[in-house]
Amino acid sequence: MKYTQLFISVIALVISLFASYKSMRQQSQGAFGAKVVIIDSDKVINESFALQDIQQQIKNQSFKLQQEFESELEKFKSSKEEFELLSEEAKKEKTEQFNKHAVSARDNYAKKMSHLEEGYRDAVEDIFNKIKEVAKKTAEKNSIDLVLFLPKKNQILYSMDRIDLSDVLLKDINKEMREFTLKDIN
């Protein structure tokens, strides 16, 4: 009786090990059969027309804000000769007025720069959503199981050229989004 139970236990163990082995083997074959492609994130970011357009708009608006800020400060600066002619009391009052105005101008500048940065983040997020959408369409059209969006230079140890879809995605993105308009910061 003891031997029968032992024999049945051994058979059950062998069957379960065999089933586990078969199951794992099928899963690993499925993983090796997966169709994987990469998209070089650095290339897409650096060569996307929409992202280049946004960066140029940011640069222009940032320069414009800097000019406005400096112009605003210049309005309240009196000439050195004019300032020297004032009494000590008037100098003190003029300095306080200038400082108040400078703080106000700085706060206004900081607020506008904050809006500009927020607009940039929103625009980049919109573009990356579009990149995801185009990547998904391309993957579905070509029966691709996994799309990796990585900086190829530092993350990929080896890849064949045929699995790099960076140029295809970039062409599609640039066709769909040639430019992008930032929100107005005023």
N, C-alpha and C. Protein backbone atom coordinates (compact mmCIF):
# COMPACT_ATOMS: atom_id res chain seq x y z
N MET A 1 0.82 -1.19 0.00
CA MET A 1 0.00 0.00 0.00
C MET A 1 0.87 1.25 0.00
N LYS A 2 1.92 1.24 0.86
CA LYS A 2 2.81 2.38 0.91
C LYS A 2 3.51 2.57 -0.43
N TYR A 3 3.90 1.46 -1.05
CA TYR A 3 4.60 1.55 -2.32
C TYR A 3 3.68 2.06 -3.42
N THR A 4 2.44 1.71 -3.36
CA THR A 4 1.47 2.17 -4.35
C THR A 4 1.31 3.68 -4.26
N GLN A 5 1.17 4.19 -3.03
CA GLN A 5 1.03 5.65 -2.84
C GLN A 5 2.30 6.36 -3.30
N LEU A 6 3.44 5.79 -2.98
CA LEU A 6 4.71 6.38 -3.39
C LEU A 6 4.82 6.39 -4.91
N PHE A 7 4.43 5.27 -5.54
CA PHE A 7 4.48 5.16 -6.99
C PHE A 7 3.55 6.19 -7.64
N ILE A 8 2.35 6.35 -7.13
CA ILE A 8 1.39 7.32 -7.66
C ILE A 8 1.92 8.75 -7.49
N SER A 9 2.53 9.01 -6.35
CA SER A 9 3.10 10.34 -6.08
C SER A 9 4.23 10.66 -7.06
N VAL A 10 5.08 9.67 -7.33
CA VAL A 10 6.19 9.86 -8.27
C VAL A 10 5.65 10.11 -9.67
N ILE A 11 4.64 9.35 -10.08
CA ILE A 11 4.04 9.54 -11.41
C ILE A 11 3.41 10.93 -11.51
N ALA A 12 2.70 11.35 -10.46
CA ALA A 12 2.08 12.68 -10.46
C ALA A 12 3.15 13.77 -10.56
N LEU A 13 4.25 13.59 -9.86
CA LEU A 13 5.35 14.55 -9.89
C LEU A 13 5.96 14.63 -11.29
N VAL A 14 6.19 13.47 -11.91
CA VAL A 14 6.76 13.43 -13.26
C VAL A 14 5.82 14.11 -14.26
N ILE A 15 4.53 13.84 -14.14
CA ILE A 15 3.55 14.44 -15.05
C ILE A 15 3.53 15.96 -14.87
N SER A 16 3.54 16.43 -13.63
CA SER A 16 3.50 17.87 -13.39
C SER A 16 4.78 18.55 -13.88
N LEU A 17 5.93 17.90 -13.70
CA LEU A 17 7.19 18.46 -14.21
C LEU A 17 7.18 18.52 -15.73
N PHE A 18 6.68 17.47 -16.36
CA PHE A 18 6.60 17.43 -17.81
C PHE A 18 5.67 18.53 -18.33
N ALA A 19 4.53 18.69 -17.69
CA ALA A 19 3.57 19.72 -18.10
C ALA A 19 4.17 21.12 -17.92
N SER A 20 4.87 21.33 -16.82
CA SER A 20 5.51 22.63 -16.57
C SER A 20 6.57 22.91 -17.64
N TYR A 21 7.36 21.90 -17.95
CA TYR A 21 8.41 22.05 -18.95
C TYR A 21 7.81 22.41 -20.30
N LYS A 22 6.75 21.72 -20.70
CA LYS A 22 6.08 21.98 -21.98
C LYS A 22 5.52 23.40 -22.01
N SER A 23 4.90 23.78 -20.92
CA SER A 23 4.31 25.12 -20.83
C SER A 23 5.38 26.20 -20.97
N MET A 24 6.48 26.05 -20.26
CA MET A 24 7.56 27.03 -20.31
C MET A 24 8.20 27.07 -21.69
N ARG A 25 8.34 25.94 -22.30
CA ARG A 25 8.96 25.87 -23.62
C ARG A 25 8.09 26.60 -24.64
N GLN A 26 6.78 26.42 -24.56
CA GLN A 26 5.89 27.11 -25.49
C GLN A 26 5.93 28.62 -25.27
N GLN A 27 5.98 29.05 -24.03
CA GLN A 27 6.03 30.49 -23.73
C GLN A 27 7.32 31.10 -24.26
N SER A 28 8.44 30.43 -24.05
CA SER A 28 9.71 31.00 -24.50
C SER A 28 9.77 31.05 -26.02
N GLN A 29 9.19 30.07 -26.69
CA GLN A 29 9.17 30.10 -28.15
C GLN A 29 8.32 31.28 -28.62
N GLY A 30 7.25 31.57 -27.93
CA GLY A 30 6.41 32.72 -28.28
C GLY A 30 7.17 34.02 -28.11
N ALA A 31 7.97 34.13 -27.05
CA ALA A 31 8.75 35.34 -26.82
C ALA A 31 9.82 35.51 -27.90
N PHE A 32 10.46 34.40 -28.30
CA PHE A 32 11.47 34.50 -29.34
C PHE A 32 10.85 34.78 -30.70
N GLY A 33 9.61 34.45 -30.86
CA GLY A 33 8.93 34.70 -32.13
C GLY A 33 8.29 36.08 -32.19
N ALA A 34 8.40 36.86 -31.12
CA ALA A 34 7.79 38.19 -31.09
C ALA A 34 8.50 39.12 -32.07
N LYS A 35 7.71 39.95 -32.70
CA LYS A 35 8.25 40.92 -33.64
C LYS A 35 8.47 42.24 -32.89
N VAL A 36 9.73 42.60 -32.72
CA VAL A 36 10.10 43.78 -31.93
C VAL A 36 10.83 44.77 -32.84
N VAL A 37 10.51 46.05 -32.68
CA VAL A 37 11.22 47.11 -33.41
C VAL A 37 11.63 48.19 -32.42
N ILE A 38 12.60 48.98 -32.86
CA ILE A 38 13.01 50.10 -32.02
C ILE A 38 12.83 51.41 -32.80
N ILE A 39 12.63 52.45 -32.03
CA ILE A 39 12.57 53.79 -32.59
C ILE A 39 13.58 54.60 -31.78
N ASP A 40 14.52 55.20 -32.47
CA ASP A 40 15.57 55.98 -31.82
C ASP A 40 14.97 57.32 -31.36
N SER A 41 14.76 57.44 -30.05
CA SER A 41 14.11 58.64 -29.51
C SER A 41 14.92 59.90 -29.79
N ASP A 42 16.24 59.80 -29.72
CA ASP A 42 17.08 60.98 -29.99
C ASP A 42 16.87 61.48 -31.41
N LYS A 43 16.83 60.56 -32.35
CA LYS A 43 16.65 60.93 -33.75
C LYS A 43 15.29 61.58 -33.97
N VAL A 44 14.25 60.99 -33.41
CA VAL A 44 12.89 61.53 -33.58
C VAL A 44 12.80 62.92 -32.94
N ILE A 45 13.36 63.07 -31.76
CA ILE A 45 13.30 64.36 -31.06
C ILE A 45 14.08 65.43 -31.83
N ASN A 46 15.26 65.08 -32.32
CA ASN A 46 16.10 66.07 -32.99
C ASN A 46 15.66 66.40 -34.41
N GLU A 47 14.95 65.48 -35.06
CA GLU A 47 14.60 65.69 -36.46
C GLU A 47 13.11 65.90 -36.71
N SER A 48 12.32 65.92 -35.69
CA SER A 48 10.88 66.17 -35.85
C SER A 48 10.65 67.64 -36.17
N PHE A 49 9.95 67.90 -37.27
CA PHE A 49 9.66 69.28 -37.66
C PHE A 49 8.86 70.00 -36.59
N ALA A 50 7.88 69.33 -36.02
CA ALA A 50 7.03 69.96 -35.00
C ALA A 50 7.84 70.34 -33.76
N LEU A 51 8.71 69.43 -33.31
CA LEU A 51 9.53 69.75 -32.13
C LEU A 51 10.54 70.85 -32.44
N GLN A 52 11.10 70.86 -33.63
CA GLN A 52 12.01 71.94 -34.02
C GLN A 52 11.26 73.27 -34.05
N ASP A 53 10.03 73.24 -34.55
CA ASP A 53 9.20 74.44 -34.61
C ASP A 53 8.92 74.97 -33.21
N ILE A 54 8.58 74.07 -32.31
CA ILE A 54 8.30 74.49 -30.92
C ILE A 54 9.55 75.09 -30.28
N GLN A 55 10.69 74.45 -30.48
CA GLN A 55 11.93 74.96 -29.89
C GLN A 55 12.25 76.36 -30.42
N GLN A 56 12.01 76.59 -31.70
CA GLN A 56 12.25 77.92 -32.27
C GLN A 56 11.27 78.94 -31.69
N GLN A 57 10.01 78.54 -31.54
CA GLN A 57 9.02 79.45 -30.94
C GLN A 57 9.39 79.79 -29.50
N ILE A 58 9.85 78.81 -28.75
CA ILE A 58 10.27 79.03 -27.36
C ILE A 58 11.44 80.02 -27.33
N LYS A 59 12.40 79.79 -28.20
CA LYS A 59 13.57 80.66 -28.25
C LYS A 59 13.14 82.10 -28.57
N ASN A 60 12.27 82.26 -29.57
CA ASN A 60 11.81 83.60 -29.97
C ASN A 60 11.01 84.28 -28.86
N GLN A 61 10.08 83.53 -28.26
CA GLN A 61 9.25 84.13 -27.21
C GLN A 61 10.08 84.43 -25.96
N SER A 62 11.03 83.61 -25.66
CA SER A 62 11.90 83.84 -24.51
C SER A 62 12.73 85.11 -24.73
N PHE A 63 13.27 85.27 -25.93
CA PHE A 63 14.03 86.47 -26.27
C PHE A 63 13.15 87.71 -26.18
N LYS A 64 11.94 87.60 -26.71
CA LYS A 64 10.98 88.72 -26.67
C LYS A 64 10.66 89.10 -25.22
N LEU A 65 10.42 88.11 -24.38
CA LEU A 65 10.13 88.39 -22.96
C LEU A 65 11.32 89.06 -22.27
N GLN A 66 12.51 88.61 -22.59
CA GLN A 66 13.72 89.21 -22.01
C GLN A 66 13.83 90.68 -22.43
N GLN A 67 13.56 90.94 -23.71
CA GLN A 67 13.61 92.32 -24.21
C GLN A 67 12.56 93.19 -23.52
N GLU A 68 11.34 92.65 -23.36
CA GLU A 68 10.27 93.39 -22.67
C GLU A 68 10.68 93.71 -21.24
N PHE A 69 11.26 92.75 -20.56
CA PHE A 69 11.69 92.93 -19.17
C PHE A 69 12.74 94.03 -19.07
N GLU A 70 13.74 93.96 -19.93
CA GLU A 70 14.80 94.98 -19.91
C GLU A 70 14.26 96.35 -20.27
N SER A 71 13.34 96.40 -21.23
CA SER A 71 12.72 97.67 -21.63
C SER A 71 11.91 98.26 -20.48
N GLU A 72 11.21 97.40 -19.78
CA GLU A 72 10.40 97.84 -18.63
C GLU A 72 11.29 98.44 -17.54
N LEU A 73 12.43 97.84 -17.30
CA LEU A 73 13.35 98.37 -16.29
C LEU A 73 13.97 99.69 -16.74
N GLU A 74 14.25 99.80 -18.03
CA GLU A 74 14.85 101.03 -18.56
C GLU A 74 13.92 102.23 -18.40
N LYS A 75 12.62 102.00 -18.46
CA LYS A 75 11.66 103.10 -18.33
C LYS A 75 11.82 103.83 -17.00
N PHE A 76 12.20 103.11 -15.98
CA PHE A 76 12.25 103.71 -14.65
C PHE A 76 13.66 104.07 -14.20
N LYS A 77 14.62 103.79 -15.01
CA LYS A 77 15.98 104.20 -14.65
C LYS A 77 16.14 105.67 -15.05
N SER A 78 16.53 106.47 -14.11
CA SER A 78 16.81 107.85 -14.47
C SER A 78 18.30 107.95 -14.77
N SER A 79 18.64 108.96 -15.51
CA SER A 79 20.06 109.11 -15.84
C SER A 79 20.85 109.40 -14.58
N LYS A 80 22.13 109.11 -14.64
CA LYS A 80 23.00 109.30 -13.48
C LYS A 80 23.05 110.77 -13.08
N GLU A 81 23.10 111.66 -14.07
CA GLU A 81 23.14 113.09 -13.78
C GLU A 81 21.86 113.54 -13.09
N GLU A 82 20.74 113.05 -13.60
CA GLU A 82 19.43 113.39 -13.02
C GLU A 82 19.35 112.92 -11.57
N PHE A 83 19.83 111.73 -11.34
CA PHE A 83 19.78 111.13 -10.00
C PHE A 83 20.68 111.91 -9.03
N GLU A 84 21.84 112.37 -9.52
CA GLU A 84 22.78 113.11 -8.67
C GLU A 84 22.19 114.45 -8.22
N LEU A 85 21.30 115.02 -9.01
CA LEU A 85 20.72 116.33 -8.69
C LEU A 85 19.65 116.24 -7.60
N LEU A 86 19.16 115.04 -7.34
CA LEU A 86 18.08 114.87 -6.36
C LEU A 86 18.60 114.97 -4.93
N SER A 87 17.70 115.38 -4.04
CA SER A 87 18.05 115.42 -2.62
C SER A 87 18.12 113.98 -2.10
N GLU A 88 18.69 113.81 -0.92
CA GLU A 88 18.80 112.47 -0.33
C GLU A 88 17.43 111.83 -0.17
N GLU A 89 16.47 112.63 0.27
CA GLU A 89 15.09 112.12 0.45
C GLU A 89 14.51 111.67 -0.89
N ALA A 90 14.70 112.50 -1.92
CA ALA A 90 14.18 112.18 -3.25
C ALA A 90 14.90 110.96 -3.84
N LYS A 91 16.22 110.86 -3.58
CA LYS A 91 16.98 109.69 -4.05
C LYS A 91 16.43 108.41 -3.43
N LYS A 92 16.16 108.50 -2.14
CA LYS A 92 15.63 107.34 -1.43
C LYS A 92 14.27 106.94 -1.99
N GLU A 93 13.41 107.94 -2.20
CA GLU A 93 12.07 107.68 -2.75
C GLU A 93 12.16 107.12 -4.17
N LYS A 94 13.03 107.70 -4.99
CA LYS A 94 13.20 107.23 -6.37
C LYS A 94 13.72 105.78 -6.39
N THR A 95 14.65 105.47 -5.48
CA THR A 95 15.19 104.12 -5.38
C THR A 95 14.11 103.13 -4.97
N GLU A 96 13.27 103.51 -4.02
CA GLU A 96 12.17 102.64 -3.58
C GLU A 96 11.18 102.40 -4.71
N GLN A 97 10.85 103.47 -5.45
CA GLN A 97 9.93 103.33 -6.59
C GLN A 97 10.52 102.37 -7.64
N PHE A 98 11.80 102.57 -7.92
CA PHE A 98 12.45 101.70 -8.91
C PHE A 98 12.44 100.25 -8.44
N ASN A 99 12.76 100.03 -7.17
CA ASN A 99 12.78 98.67 -6.63
C ASN A 99 11.41 98.01 -6.70
N LYS A 100 10.36 98.79 -6.35
CA LYS A 100 8.99 98.24 -6.44
C LYS A 100 8.66 97.88 -7.88
N HIS A 101 9.00 98.78 -8.79
CA HIS A 101 8.71 98.52 -10.20
C HIS A 101 9.53 97.33 -10.71
N ALA A 102 10.78 97.24 -10.28
CA ALA A 102 11.64 96.12 -10.70
C ALA A 102 11.08 94.80 -10.20
N VAL A 103 10.60 94.77 -8.96
CA VAL A 103 10.01 93.55 -8.41
C VAL A 103 8.76 93.17 -9.20
N SER A 104 7.94 94.17 -9.51
CA SER A 104 6.72 93.92 -10.28
C SER A 104 7.06 93.40 -11.68
N ALA A 105 8.04 94.02 -12.33
CA ALA A 105 8.45 93.59 -13.67
C ALA A 105 9.03 92.18 -13.62
N ARG A 106 9.84 91.90 -12.59
CA ARG A 106 10.43 90.56 -12.45
C ARG A 106 9.35 89.51 -12.24
N ASP A 107 8.36 89.83 -11.38
CA ASP A 107 7.27 88.88 -11.13
C ASP A 107 6.46 88.62 -12.40
N ASN A 108 6.21 89.68 -13.15
CA ASN A 108 5.47 89.55 -14.41
C ASN A 108 6.27 88.70 -15.41
N TYR A 109 7.57 88.95 -15.48
CA TYR A 109 8.45 88.17 -16.35
C TYR A 109 8.46 86.70 -15.93
N ALA A 110 8.58 86.45 -14.64
CA ALA A 110 8.60 85.07 -14.13
C ALA A 110 7.28 84.36 -14.44
N LYS A 111 6.18 85.08 -14.29
CA LYS A 111 4.86 84.49 -14.57
C LYS A 111 4.75 84.12 -16.05
N LYS A 112 5.18 85.03 -16.92
CA LYS A 112 5.12 84.75 -18.36
C LYS A 112 6.06 83.60 -18.74
N MET A 113 7.23 83.55 -18.14
CA MET A 113 8.16 82.45 -18.43
C MET A 113 7.58 81.12 -17.95
N SER A 114 6.89 81.16 -16.82
CA SER A 114 6.25 79.95 -16.31
C SER A 114 5.16 79.47 -17.28
N HIS A 115 4.38 80.42 -17.81
CA HIS A 115 3.36 80.06 -18.81
C HIS A 115 4.01 79.51 -20.07
N LEU A 116 5.13 80.09 -20.44
CA LEU A 116 5.85 79.61 -21.63
C LEU A 116 6.35 78.18 -21.42
N GLU A 117 6.91 77.90 -20.26
CA GLU A 117 7.38 76.54 -19.94
C GLU A 117 6.21 75.55 -19.91
N GLU A 118 5.10 75.99 -19.34
CA GLU A 118 3.90 75.13 -19.30
C GLU A 118 3.40 74.83 -20.71
N GLY A 119 3.40 75.86 -21.56
CA GLY A 119 3.00 75.67 -22.95
C GLY A 119 3.92 74.71 -23.67
N TYR A 120 5.21 74.81 -23.38
CA TYR A 120 6.19 73.91 -23.99
C TYR A 120 5.94 72.47 -23.56
N ARG A 121 5.72 72.27 -22.25
CA ARG A 121 5.45 70.91 -21.75
C ARG A 121 4.19 70.34 -22.39
N ASP A 122 3.13 71.15 -22.48
CA ASP A 122 1.88 70.69 -23.10
C ASP A 122 2.09 70.34 -24.57
N ALA A 123 2.83 71.17 -25.27
CA ALA A 123 3.08 70.93 -26.69
C ALA A 123 3.88 69.65 -26.90
N VAL A 124 4.92 69.46 -26.09
CA VAL A 124 5.74 68.25 -26.20
C VAL A 124 4.89 67.01 -25.88
N GLU A 125 4.03 67.13 -24.88
CA GLU A 125 3.15 66.01 -24.54
C GLU A 125 2.22 65.68 -25.71
N ASP A 126 1.66 66.72 -26.34
CA ASP A 126 0.79 66.49 -27.50
C ASP A 126 1.55 65.81 -28.64
N ILE A 127 2.77 66.23 -28.86
CA ILE A 127 3.57 65.63 -29.93
C ILE A 127 3.91 64.18 -29.60
N PHE A 128 4.27 63.91 -28.35
CA PHE A 128 4.58 62.52 -27.98
C PHE A 128 3.34 61.64 -28.06
N ASN A 129 2.18 62.19 -27.76
CA ASN A 129 0.95 61.42 -27.94
C ASN A 129 0.75 61.09 -29.42
N LYS A 130 1.07 62.04 -30.28
CA LYS A 130 0.96 61.81 -31.72
C LYS A 130 1.98 60.75 -32.15
N ILE A 131 3.18 60.80 -31.58
CA ILE A 131 4.20 59.80 -31.89
C ILE A 131 3.71 58.41 -31.49
N LYS A 132 3.11 58.31 -30.31
CA LYS A 132 2.56 57.02 -29.85
C LYS A 132 1.48 56.53 -30.81
N GLU A 133 0.61 57.45 -31.22
CA GLU A 133 -0.49 57.10 -32.12
C GLU A 133 0.05 56.57 -33.45
N VAL A 134 1.02 57.27 -34.02
CA VAL A 134 1.61 56.85 -35.30
C VAL A 134 2.36 55.53 -35.13
N ALA A 135 3.07 55.37 -34.02
CA ALA A 135 3.79 54.11 -33.76
C ALA A 135 2.81 52.95 -33.65
N LYS A 136 1.69 53.19 -32.98
CA LYS A 136 0.68 52.14 -32.82
C LYS A 136 0.10 51.75 -34.18
N LYS A 137 -0.23 52.74 -35.01
CA LYS A 137 -0.77 52.46 -36.35
C LYS A 137 0.23 51.63 -37.16
N THR A 138 1.49 52.04 -37.11
CA THR A 138 2.54 51.33 -37.85
C THR A 138 2.69 49.91 -37.34
N ALA A 139 2.66 49.74 -36.02
CA ALA A 139 2.80 48.41 -35.42
C ALA A 139 1.64 47.51 -35.82
N GLU A 140 0.43 48.04 -35.75
CA GLU A 140 -0.75 47.23 -36.11
C GLU A 140 -0.72 46.87 -37.59
N LYS A 141 -0.33 47.81 -38.43
CA LYS A 141 -0.29 47.58 -39.87
C LYS A 141 0.74 46.51 -40.24
N ASN A 142 1.84 46.43 -39.48
CA ASN A 142 2.93 45.50 -39.79
C ASN A 142 3.01 44.32 -38.84
N SER A 143 1.97 44.09 -38.04
CA SER A 143 1.92 42.97 -37.08
C SER A 143 3.13 42.97 -36.14
N ILE A 144 3.44 44.12 -35.60
CA ILE A 144 4.56 44.26 -34.67
C ILE A 144 4.03 44.11 -33.25
N ASP A 145 4.72 43.29 -32.46
CA ASP A 145 4.28 43.01 -31.09
C ASP A 145 4.76 44.04 -30.08
N LEU A 146 5.95 44.61 -30.31
CA LEU A 146 6.53 45.52 -29.32
C LEU A 146 7.32 46.61 -30.02
N VAL A 147 7.05 47.87 -29.64
CA VAL A 147 7.79 49.02 -30.16
C VAL A 147 8.51 49.67 -28.98
N LEU A 148 9.83 49.76 -29.08
CA LEU A 148 10.63 50.38 -28.03
C LEU A 148 11.08 51.77 -28.49
N PHE A 149 10.81 52.78 -27.68
CA PHE A 149 11.19 54.16 -27.97
C PHE A 149 12.35 54.50 -27.05
N LEU A 150 13.57 54.29 -27.54
CA LEU A 150 14.77 54.42 -26.70
C LEU A 150 15.83 55.25 -27.40
N PRO A 151 16.70 55.87 -26.61
CA PRO A 151 17.88 56.50 -27.24
C PRO A 151 18.83 55.39 -27.67
N LYS A 152 18.92 55.17 -28.94
CA LYS A 152 19.67 54.03 -29.50
C LYS A 152 21.14 54.06 -29.08
N LYS A 153 21.69 55.24 -28.98
CA LYS A 153 23.12 55.37 -28.71
C LYS A 153 23.53 54.72 -27.39
N ASN A 154 22.74 54.88 -26.35
CA ASN A 154 23.16 54.40 -25.03
C ASN A 154 22.39 53.18 -24.54
N GLN A 155 21.32 52.81 -25.18
CA GLN A 155 20.46 51.76 -24.65
C GLN A 155 20.50 50.45 -25.43
N ILE A 156 20.81 50.51 -26.70
CA ILE A 156 20.76 49.32 -27.55
C ILE A 156 22.16 48.76 -27.74
N LEU A 157 22.35 47.53 -27.32
CA LEU A 157 23.65 46.88 -27.48
C LEU A 157 23.86 46.38 -28.90
N TYR A 158 22.80 45.85 -29.49
CA TYR A 158 22.88 45.34 -30.84
C TYR A 158 21.49 45.38 -31.46
N SER A 159 21.43 45.78 -32.70
CA SER A 159 20.17 45.69 -33.44
C SER A 159 20.48 45.66 -34.93
N MET A 160 19.63 44.97 -35.63
CA MET A 160 19.75 44.93 -37.08
C MET A 160 19.04 46.17 -37.62
N ASP A 161 19.51 46.68 -38.74
CA ASP A 161 18.92 47.88 -39.31
C ASP A 161 17.44 47.70 -39.63
N ARG A 162 17.06 46.49 -39.98
CA ARG A 162 15.67 46.27 -40.39
C ARG A 162 14.67 46.41 -39.25
N ILE A 163 15.13 46.39 -37.99
CA ILE A 163 14.18 46.55 -36.89
C ILE A 163 14.13 47.99 -36.37
N ASP A 164 14.91 48.88 -36.99
CA ASP A 164 14.90 50.29 -36.60
C ASP A 164 13.89 51.03 -37.49
N LEU A 165 12.77 51.40 -36.89
CA LEU A 165 11.72 52.10 -37.64
C LEU A 165 11.77 53.62 -37.46
N SER A 166 12.88 54.14 -37.00
CA SER A 166 12.99 55.57 -36.72
C SER A 166 12.67 56.41 -37.95
N ASP A 167 13.25 56.06 -39.09
CA ASP A 167 13.03 56.85 -40.30
C ASP A 167 11.58 56.79 -40.77
N VAL A 168 10.99 55.62 -40.69
CA VAL A 168 9.59 55.46 -41.10
C VAL A 168 8.68 56.30 -40.21
N LEU A 169 8.87 56.19 -38.90
CA LEU A 169 8.05 56.95 -37.96
C LEU A 169 8.27 58.45 -38.14
N LEU A 170 9.51 58.85 -38.30
CA LEU A 170 9.83 60.26 -38.46
C LEU A 170 9.17 60.83 -39.71
N LYS A 171 9.21 60.06 -40.79
CA LYS A 171 8.57 60.50 -42.04
C LYS A 171 7.06 60.69 -41.82
N ASP A 172 6.43 59.73 -41.15
CA ASP A 172 4.99 59.83 -40.90
C ASP A 172 4.65 60.99 -39.96
N ILE A 173 5.45 61.17 -38.91
CA ILE A 173 5.22 62.27 -37.97
C ILE A 173 5.38 63.61 -38.68
N ASN A 174 6.44 63.74 -39.46
CA ASN A 174 6.69 65.01 -40.16
C ASN A 174 5.63 65.29 -41.22
N LYS A 175 5.03 64.24 -41.76
CA LYS A 175 3.95 64.42 -42.72
C LYS A 175 2.68 64.90 -42.01
N GLU A 176 2.40 64.33 -40.84
CA GLU A 176 1.17 64.67 -40.11
C GLU A 176 1.30 65.95 -39.29
N MET A 177 2.50 66.24 -38.80
CA MET A 177 2.70 67.42 -37.93
C MET A 177 3.94 68.18 -38.38
N ARG A 178 3.79 69.02 -39.37
CA ARG A 178 4.94 69.80 -39.84
C ARG A 178 5.27 70.93 -38.87
N GLU A 179 4.25 71.47 -38.24
CA GLU A 179 4.47 72.57 -37.31
C GLU A 179 3.49 72.46 -36.15
N PHE A 180 3.76 73.23 -35.13
CA PHE A 180 2.93 73.19 -33.94
C PHE A 180 2.93 74.59 -33.35
N THR A 181 1.76 75.09 -33.00
CA THR A 181 1.66 76.44 -32.46
C THR A 181 1.49 76.39 -30.96
N LEU A 182 2.37 77.09 -30.27
CA LEU A 182 2.29 77.18 -28.81
C LEU A 182 1.12 78.06 -28.40
N LYS A 183 0.64 77.82 -27.18
CA LYS A 183 -0.39 78.69 -26.62
C LYS A 183 0.21 80.07 -26.40
N ASP A 184 -0.62 81.09 -26.54
CA ASP A 184 -0.17 82.47 -26.29
C ASP A 184 0.12 82.64 -24.81
N ILE A 185 1.23 83.29 -24.49
CA ILE A 185 1.63 83.43 -23.08
C ILE A 185 1.03 84.66 -22.42
N ASN A 186 0.46 85.56 -23.17
CA ASN A 186 -0.10 86.78 -22.56
C ASN A 186 -1.47 86.58 -22.01
